[in-house]
């Protein structure tokens, strides 16, 4: 299975790129620039602050390959600079930052999937996984307006895609993830990564395993939405 992973340079995205590659998937990473230590042939540099341009760059790169694209994991999630801190103030947010956030988190997946769906639908088990957040769920308890709204929008995107492409067997899953431990890469033992945060942070190892399970399902089923908070997240 050939997968495109958007937002793959660091954190969860890099864990997905590395972990799914190890599991036997052919992964293609996307980020603003090509990170060091990776094969440039397996990476596309695209900046989703300009979503139309980024989507066009990716389409051109993918179209030059002979193998079909089976799945897209849109893992990009930009938040306000002061998000998740006591300094966050909705009224103080810069317009340019907010517009860039919405471009990356909402317009980006719409335009990218609009361009790539013809190729995806030509495969036997087309898959789309959208990385959402518990911040985008109703009554999430989080005050970050633009980030929360952008993650809530992913459910609307997913529902509309399912409605139109149900007969094409397009499997669209939204992952509603809680607070992640992105400091510890897959190279850190899972037990050590799970200990960070003492139950309040999810190791990326767990998310990679969940995504691998989703991708390994038969064509007869799929998971619509998966809610995955940390075990001691008081909101859930």
C-alpha atoms as a PDB file:
ATOM      1  CA  UNK A   1       0.000   0.000   0.000  1.00  0.00           C
ATOM      2  CA  UNK A   2       1.333   3.413  -1.017  1.00  0.00           C
ATOM      3  CA  UNK A   3       0.585   6.220   1.454  1.00  0.00           C
ATOM      4  CA  UNK A   4       0.956   9.994   1.408  1.00  0.00           C
ATOM      5  CA  UNK A   5       1.537  11.471   4.890  1.00  0.00           C
ATOM      6  CA  UNK A   6       1.093  15.240   5.167  1.00  0.00           C
ATOM      7  CA  UNK A   7       2.862  16.870   8.103  1.00  0.00           C
ATOM      8  CA  UNK A   8       5.465  14.135   8.356  1.00  0.00           C
ATOM      9  CA  UNK A   9       8.656  15.941   9.337  1.00  0.00           C
ATOM     10  CA  UNK A  10       8.358  15.864  13.150  1.00  0.00           C
ATOM     11  CA  UNK A  11       6.327  14.503  16.041  1.00  0.00           C
ATOM     12  CA  UNK A  12       3.446  12.191  15.232  1.00  0.00           C
ATOM     13  CA  UNK A  13       3.854  12.654  11.483  1.00  0.00           C
ATOM     14  CA  UNK A  14       7.452  11.490  11.536  1.00  0.00           C
ATOM     15  CA  UNK A  15       6.480   8.562  13.762  1.00  0.00           C
ATOM     16  CA  UNK A  16       3.812   7.572  11.235  1.00  0.00           C
ATOM     17  CA  UNK A  17       6.280   7.896   8.371  1.00  0.00           C
ATOM     18  CA  UNK A  18       8.912   5.781  10.110  1.00  0.00           C
ATOM     19  CA  UNK A  19       6.588   3.291  11.777  1.00  0.00           C
ATOM     20  CA  UNK A  20       4.474   2.551   8.730  1.00  0.00           C
ATOM     21  CA  UNK A  21       7.591   2.252   6.578  1.00  0.00           C
ATOM     22  CA  UNK A  22       8.937  -0.345   8.988  1.00  0.00           C
ATOM     23  CA  UNK A  23       5.595  -2.158   8.808  1.00  0.00           C
ATOM     24  CA  UNK A  24       5.999  -2.537   5.052  1.00  0.00           C
ATOM     25  CA  UNK A  25       4.028   0.398   3.691  1.00  0.00           C
ATOM     26  CA  UNK A  26       5.486   2.621   1.001  1.00  0.00           C
ATOM     27  CA  UNK A  27       5.353   6.063   2.576  1.00  0.00           C
ATOM     28  CA  UNK A  28       5.744   9.481   0.975  1.00  0.00           C
ATOM     29  CA  UNK A  29       6.240  12.367   3.381  1.00  0.00           C
ATOM     30  CA  UNK A  30       5.104  15.961   2.950  1.00  0.00           C
ATOM     31  CA  UNK A  31       6.332  19.001   4.863  1.00  0.00           C
ATOM     32  CA  UNK A  32       7.470  22.556   4.167  1.00  0.00           C
ATOM     33  CA  UNK A  33      11.009  21.364   3.478  1.00  0.00           C
ATOM     34  CA  UNK A  34      12.711  18.002   3.087  1.00  0.00           C
ATOM     35  CA  UNK A  35      14.184  17.000   6.471  1.00  0.00           C
ATOM     36  CA  UNK A  36      17.687  15.672   6.791  1.00  0.00           C
ATOM     37  CA  UNK A  37      18.301  11.951   6.879  1.00  0.00           C
ATOM     38  CA  UNK A  38      15.493  10.933   4.526  1.00  0.00           C
ATOM     39  CA  UNK A  39      15.500   9.815   0.918  1.00  0.00           C
ATOM     40  CA  UNK A  40      14.467  12.910  -1.111  1.00  0.00           C
ATOM     41  CA  UNK A  41      12.701  10.598  -3.543  1.00  0.00           C
ATOM     42  CA  UNK A  42      10.269   9.735  -0.743  1.00  0.00           C
ATOM     43  CA  UNK A  43       9.503  13.335   0.201  1.00  0.00           C
ATOM     44  CA  UNK A  44       7.593  16.311  -1.219  1.00  0.00           C
ATOM     45  CA  UNK A  45       8.228  19.875  -0.061  1.00  0.00           C
ATOM     46  CA  UNK A  46       4.921  21.790   0.068  1.00  0.00           C
ATOM     47  CA  UNK A  47       3.732  24.652   2.277  1.00  0.00           C
ATOM     48  CA  UNK A  48       0.040  24.465   3.140  1.00  0.00           C
ATOM     49  CA  UNK A  49      -0.064  28.066   4.257  1.00  0.00           C
ATOM     50  CA  UNK A  50      -0.677  28.402   0.493  1.00  0.00           C
ATOM     51  CA  UNK A  51      -2.984  25.402   0.145  1.00  0.00           C
ATOM     52  CA  UNK A  52      -3.765  25.616  -3.575  1.00  0.00           C
ATOM     53  CA  UNK A  53      -0.085  25.807  -4.489  1.00  0.00           C
ATOM     54  CA  UNK A  54       0.774  22.989  -2.067  1.00  0.00           C
ATOM     55  CA  UNK A  55      -1.950  20.750  -3.465  1.00  0.00           C
ATOM     56  CA  UNK A  56      -0.755  21.406  -7.015  1.00  0.00           C
ATOM     57  CA  UNK A  57       2.851  20.607  -6.095  1.00  0.00           C
ATOM     58  CA  UNK A  58       1.804  17.303  -4.543  1.00  0.00           C
ATOM     59  CA  UNK A  59      -0.446  16.367  -7.464  1.00  0.00           C
ATOM     60  CA  UNK A  60       2.367  16.948  -9.950  1.00  0.00           C
ATOM     61  CA  UNK A  61       4.811  14.909  -7.865  1.00  0.00           C
ATOM     62  CA  UNK A  62       2.407  12.014  -7.349  1.00  0.00           C
ATOM     63  CA  UNK A  63       1.352  11.974 -11.003  1.00  0.00           C
ATOM     64  CA  UNK A  64       4.920  11.321 -12.151  1.00  0.00           C
ATOM     65  CA  UNK A  65       4.985   8.012 -10.237  1.00  0.00           C
ATOM     66  CA  UNK A  66       3.879   4.777 -11.891  1.00  0.00           C
ATOM     67  CA  UNK A  67       2.495   3.156  -8.724  1.00  0.00           C
ATOM     68  CA  UNK A  68      -1.003   4.239  -7.620  1.00  0.00           C
ATOM     69  CA  UNK A  69      -1.666   6.119  -4.393  1.00  0.00           C
ATOM     70  CA  UNK A  70      -3.771   4.016  -2.016  1.00  0.00           C
ATOM     71  CA  UNK A  71      -4.181   6.321   0.960  1.00  0.00           C
ATOM     72  CA  UNK A  72      -3.754   9.838   2.339  1.00  0.00           C
ATOM     73  CA  UNK A  73      -3.050  10.640   5.984  1.00  0.00           C
ATOM     74  CA  UNK A  74      -3.580  14.356   6.567  1.00  0.00           C
ATOM     75  CA  UNK A  75      -1.771  14.889   9.840  1.00  0.00           C
ATOM     76  CA  UNK A  76      -1.142  18.617   9.567  1.00  0.00           C
ATOM     77  CA  UNK A  77      -2.401  20.577  12.563  1.00  0.00           C
ATOM     78  CA  UNK A  78      -1.266  24.144  13.152  1.00  0.00           C
ATOM     79  CA  UNK A  79      -2.321  25.932  16.343  1.00  0.00           C
ATOM     80  CA  UNK A  80      -2.047  29.440  17.728  1.00  0.00           C
ATOM     81  CA  UNK A  81       1.432  30.326  19.101  1.00  0.00           C
ATOM     82  CA  UNK A  82       0.081  30.719  22.641  1.00  0.00           C
ATOM     83  CA  UNK A  83      -2.314  27.754  22.438  1.00  0.00           C
ATOM     84  CA  UNK A  84      -2.427  25.355  25.384  1.00  0.00           C
ATOM     85  CA  UNK A  85      -0.816  27.897  27.700  1.00  0.00           C
ATOM     86  CA  UNK A  86      -2.208  30.316  30.244  1.00  0.00           C
ATOM     87  CA  UNK A  87      -1.181  33.168  27.920  1.00  0.00           C
ATOM     88  CA  UNK A  88      -3.760  32.287  25.263  1.00  0.00           C
ATOM     89  CA  UNK A  89      -6.157  35.175  24.590  1.00  0.00           C
ATOM     90  CA  UNK A  90      -8.593  34.833  21.697  1.00  0.00           C
ATOM     91  CA  UNK A  91      -8.916  38.565  21.133  1.00  0.00           C
ATOM     92  CA  UNK A  92      -5.143  39.011  20.876  1.00  0.00           C
ATOM     93  CA  UNK A  93      -4.607  36.575  18.004  1.00  0.00           C
ATOM     94  CA  UNK A  94      -2.999  37.941  14.852  1.00  0.00           C
ATOM     95  CA  UNK A  95      -5.140  37.829  11.704  1.00  0.00           C
ATOM     96  CA  UNK A  96      -2.326  36.490   9.538  1.00  0.00           C
ATOM     97  CA  UNK A  97      -1.673  33.642  11.968  1.00  0.00           C
ATOM     98  CA  UNK A  98      -5.359  32.747  12.114  1.00  0.00           C
ATOM     99  CA  UNK A  99      -5.741  32.764   8.325  1.00  0.00           C
ATOM    100  CA  UNK A 100      -2.619  30.636   7.906  1.00  0.00           C
ATOM    101  CA  UNK A 101      -3.902  28.181  10.512  1.00  0.00           C
ATOM    102  CA  UNK A 102      -7.258  27.808   8.766  1.00  0.00           C
ATOM    103  CA  UNK A 103      -5.551  27.463   5.377  1.00  0.00           C
ATOM    104  CA  UNK A 104      -3.355  24.631   6.608  1.00  0.00           C
ATOM    105  CA  UNK A 105      -5.940  22.813   8.728  1.00  0.00           C
ATOM    106  CA  UNK A 106      -9.137  23.212   6.682  1.00  0.00           C
ATOM    107  CA  UNK A 107      -8.569  24.482   3.151  1.00  0.00           C
ATOM    108  CA  UNK A 108      -5.489  22.280   2.795  1.00  0.00           C
ATOM    109  CA  UNK A 109      -7.186  18.890   3.135  1.00  0.00           C
ATOM    110  CA  UNK A 110     -10.136  19.994   1.012  1.00  0.00           C
ATOM    111  CA  UNK A 111      -8.011  21.099  -1.942  1.00  0.00           C
ATOM    112  CA  UNK A 112      -5.552  18.234  -1.653  1.00  0.00           C
ATOM    113  CA  UNK A 113      -8.244  15.558  -1.580  1.00  0.00           C
ATOM    114  CA  UNK A 114     -10.099  17.280  -4.394  1.00  0.00           C
ATOM    115  CA  UNK A 115      -7.012  16.766  -6.555  1.00  0.00           C
ATOM    116  CA  UNK A 116      -6.006  13.288  -5.371  1.00  0.00           C
ATOM    117  CA  UNK A 117      -9.375  11.520  -5.119  1.00  0.00           C
ATOM    118  CA  UNK A 118      -9.507  10.464  -8.800  1.00  0.00           C
ATOM    119  CA  UNK A 119      -6.271   8.542  -8.251  1.00  0.00           C
ATOM    120  CA  UNK A 120      -7.350   7.152  -4.882  1.00  0.00           C
ATOM    121  CA  UNK A 121     -10.684   5.946  -6.185  1.00  0.00           C
ATOM    122  CA  UNK A 122      -8.937   3.949  -8.895  1.00  0.00           C
ATOM    123  CA  UNK A 123      -7.498   1.618  -6.227  1.00  0.00           C
ATOM    124  CA  UNK A 124      -9.266  -1.323  -4.592  1.00  0.00           C
ATOM    125  CA  UNK A 125      -9.224   0.001  -1.004  1.00  0.00           C
ATOM    126  CA  UNK A 126      -8.921   3.793  -0.994  1.00  0.00           C
ATOM    127  CA  UNK A 127      -8.208   5.195   2.485  1.00  0.00           C
ATOM    128  CA  UNK A 128      -8.262   8.707   3.955  1.00  0.00           C
ATOM    129  CA  UNK A 129      -7.266   9.347   7.572  1.00  0.00           C
ATOM    130  CA  UNK A 130      -7.722  12.844   8.995  1.00  0.00           C
ATOM    131  CA  UNK A 131      -5.919  13.630  12.239  1.00  0.00           C
ATOM    132  CA  UNK A 132      -8.335  15.591  14.353  1.00  0.00           C
ATOM    133  CA  UNK A 133      -8.154  16.534  18.018  1.00  0.00           C
ATOM    134  CA  UNK A 134     -10.193  16.237  21.166  1.00  0.00           C
ATOM    135  CA  UNK A 135     -10.098  20.060  21.073  1.00  0.00           C
ATOM    136  CA  UNK A 136     -12.509  19.920  18.137  1.00  0.00           C
ATOM    137  CA  UNK A 137     -15.126  17.836  19.922  1.00  0.00           C
ATOM    138  CA  UNK A 138     -18.278  19.335  21.461  1.00  0.00           C
ATOM    139  CA  UNK A 139     -17.711  20.575  25.012  1.00  0.00           C
ATOM    140  CA  UNK A 140     -13.994  19.846  24.742  1.00  0.00           C
ATOM    141  CA  UNK A 141     -13.166  22.323  27.483  1.00  0.00           C
ATOM    142  CA  UNK A 142     -10.476  24.002  25.367  1.00  0.00           C
ATOM    143  CA  UNK A 143     -10.556  27.771  24.652  1.00  0.00           C
ATOM    144  CA  UNK A 144      -8.436  27.874  21.453  1.00  0.00           C
ATOM    145  CA  UNK A 145     -11.035  29.155  18.984  1.00  0.00           C
ATOM    146  CA  UNK A 146      -9.335  28.856  15.582  1.00  0.00           C
ATOM    147  CA  UNK A 147      -7.625  25.546  16.314  1.00  0.00           C
ATOM    148  CA  UNK A 148     -10.756  23.984  17.795  1.00  0.00           C
ATOM    149  CA  UNK A 149     -12.902  25.194  14.910  1.00  0.00           C
ATOM    150  CA  UNK A 150     -10.451  23.875  12.346  1.00  0.00           C
ATOM    151  CA  UNK A 151     -10.391  20.423  13.920  1.00  0.00           C
ATOM    152  CA  UNK A 152     -14.181  20.358  14.221  1.00  0.00           C
ATOM    153  CA  UNK A 153     -14.324  21.088  10.487  1.00  0.00           C
ATOM    154  CA  UNK A 154     -12.603  17.787   9.720  1.00  0.00           C
ATOM    155  CA  UNK A 155     -15.715  15.869  10.742  1.00  0.00           C
ATOM    156  CA  UNK A 156     -17.740  17.851   8.224  1.00  0.00           C
ATOM    157  CA  UNK A 157     -15.182  17.133   5.515  1.00  0.00           C
ATOM    158  CA  UNK A 158     -15.181  13.441   6.365  1.00  0.00           C
ATOM    159  CA  UNK A 159     -18.984  13.152   6.441  1.00  0.00           C
ATOM    160  CA  UNK A 160     -19.348  14.854   3.058  1.00  0.00           C
ATOM    161  CA  UNK A 161     -16.707  12.634   1.470  1.00  0.00           C
ATOM    162  CA  UNK A 162     -18.412   9.520   2.794  1.00  0.00           C
ATOM    163  CA  UNK A 163     -21.777  10.715   1.460  1.00  0.00           C
ATOM    164  CA  UNK A 164     -20.511  11.249  -2.076  1.00  0.00           C
ATOM    165  CA  UNK A 165     -18.074   8.345  -2.372  1.00  0.00           C
ATOM    166  CA  UNK A 166     -19.827   5.659  -0.366  1.00  0.00           C
ATOM    167  CA  UNK A 167     -20.396   3.535  -3.481  1.00  0.00           C
ATOM    168  CA  UNK A 168     -16.707   3.860  -4.329  1.00  0.00           C
ATOM    169  CA  UNK A 169     -15.869   2.217  -0.985  1.00  0.00           C
ATOM    170  CA  UNK A 170     -13.839   5.192   0.167  1.00  0.00           C
ATOM    171  CA  UNK A 171     -12.920   4.628   3.823  1.00  0.00           C
ATOM    172  CA  UNK A 172     -12.622   7.954   5.664  1.00  0.00           C
ATOM    173  CA  UNK A 173     -11.547   7.920   9.313  1.00  0.00           C
ATOM    174  CA  UNK A 174     -11.159  10.859  11.669  1.00  0.00           C
ATOM    175  CA  UNK A 175      -8.754  10.367  14.568  1.00  0.00           C
ATOM    176  CA  UNK A 176      -9.695  12.498  17.559  1.00  0.00           C
ATOM    177  CA  UNK A 177      -6.445  12.515  19.516  1.00  0.00           C
ATOM    178  CA  UNK A 178      -5.785  13.871  22.974  1.00  0.00           C
ATOM    179  CA  UNK A 179      -2.558  15.346  24.286  1.00  0.00           C
ATOM    180  CA  UNK A 180       0.443  13.627  22.709  1.00  0.00           C
ATOM    181  CA  UNK A 181       3.966  12.971  23.870  1.00  0.00           C
ATOM    182  CA  UNK A 182       5.811  14.103  20.748  1.00  0.00           C
ATOM    183  CA  UNK A 183       9.167  14.454  22.513  1.00  0.00           C
ATOM    184  CA  UNK A 184       9.844  10.722  22.520  1.00  0.00           C
ATOM    185  CA  UNK A 185      10.226   9.214  19.055  1.00  0.00           C
ATOM    186  CA  UNK A 186       9.666   5.568  18.200  1.00  0.00           C
ATOM    187  CA  UNK A 187      13.314   4.923  19.025  1.00  0.00           C
ATOM    188  CA  UNK A 188      12.444   5.486  22.703  1.00  0.00           C
ATOM    189  CA  UNK A 189      10.993   2.344  24.326  1.00  0.00           C
ATOM    190  CA  UNK A 190       7.216   2.507  24.544  1.00  0.00           C
ATOM    191  CA  UNK A 191       7.185   2.087  28.322  1.00  0.00           C
ATOM    192  CA  UNK A 192       9.540   5.033  28.783  1.00  0.00           C
ATOM    193  CA  UNK A 193       7.497   7.188  26.394  1.00  0.00           C
ATOM    194  CA  UNK A 194       4.277   6.233  28.181  1.00  0.00           C
ATOM    195  CA  UNK A 195       5.774   7.259  31.522  1.00  0.00           C
ATOM    196  CA  UNK A 196       6.255  10.848  30.364  1.00  0.00           C
ATOM    197  CA  UNK A 197       3.309  12.852  31.631  1.00  0.00           C
ATOM    198  CA  UNK A 198       2.329  10.128  34.094  1.00  0.00           C
ATOM    199  CA  UNK A 199      -0.854   9.186  32.256  1.00  0.00           C
ATOM    200  CA  UNK A 200      -1.663  12.588  30.748  1.00  0.00           C
ATOM    201  CA  UNK A 201       0.178  12.137  27.425  1.00  0.00           C
ATOM    202  CA  UNK A 202      -0.234   9.554  24.652  1.00  0.00           C
ATOM    203  CA  UNK A 203       2.984   8.046  23.263  1.00  0.00           C
ATOM    204  CA  UNK A 204       3.173   8.242  19.470  1.00  0.00           C
ATOM    205  CA  UNK A 205       3.826   4.500  19.469  1.00  0.00           C
ATOM    206  CA  UNK A 206       0.171   3.907  20.380  1.00  0.00           C
ATOM    207  CA  UNK A 207      -1.140   6.112  17.576  1.00  0.00           C
ATOM    208  CA  UNK A 208       1.099   4.429  15.011  1.00  0.00           C
ATOM    209  CA  UNK A 209      -0.244   1.032  16.089  1.00  0.00           C
ATOM    210  CA  UNK A 210      -3.837   2.255  15.797  1.00  0.00           C
ATOM    211  CA  UNK A 211      -3.238   3.664  12.307  1.00  0.00           C
ATOM    212  CA  UNK A 212      -1.561   0.415  11.218  1.00  0.00           C
ATOM    213  CA  UNK A 213      -4.639  -1.466  12.437  1.00  0.00           C
ATOM    214  CA  UNK A 214      -6.947   0.849  10.473  1.00  0.00           C
ATOM    215  CA  UNK A 215      -4.913   0.358   7.318  1.00  0.00           C
ATOM    216  CA  UNK A 216      -4.869  -3.395   7.822  1.00  0.00           C
ATOM    217  CA  UNK A 217      -8.645  -3.805   7.875  1.00  0.00           C
ATOM    218  CA  UNK A 218     -10.281  -5.651   5.011  1.00  0.00           C
ATOM    219  CA  UNK A 219     -12.241  -3.790   2.380  1.00  0.00           C
ATOM    220  CA  UNK A 220     -15.463  -4.892   4.068  1.00  0.00           C
ATOM    221  CA  UNK A 221     -15.180  -2.529   7.053  1.00  0.00           C
ATOM    222  CA  UNK A 222     -13.714   0.731   8.297  1.00  0.00           C
ATOM    223  CA  UNK A 223     -13.701   2.935  11.379  1.00  0.00           C
ATOM    224  CA  UNK A 224     -15.622   6.203  10.958  1.00  0.00           C
ATOM    225  CA  UNK A 225     -14.227   8.019  13.985  1.00  0.00           C
ATOM    226  CA  UNK A 226     -11.862   7.076  16.769  1.00  0.00           C
ATOM    227  CA  UNK A 227     -11.597   8.991  20.057  1.00  0.00           C
ATOM    228  CA  UNK A 228      -8.247   8.458  21.773  1.00  0.00           C
ATOM    229  CA  UNK A 229      -7.573  10.549  24.912  1.00  0.00           C
ATOM    230  CA  UNK A 230      -4.826   9.998  27.445  1.00  0.00           C
ATOM    231  CA  UNK A 231      -5.931   7.723  30.275  1.00  0.00           C
ATOM    232  CA  UNK A 232      -5.901  10.546  32.870  1.00  0.00           C
ATOM    233  CA  UNK A 233      -7.292  13.310  30.656  1.00  0.00           C
ATOM    234  CA  UNK A 234      -9.835  14.858  33.031  1.00  0.00           C
ATOM    235  CA  UNK A 235     -12.002  16.054  30.132  1.00  0.00           C
ATOM    236  CA  UNK A 236     -12.811  12.502  29.079  1.00  0.00           C
END
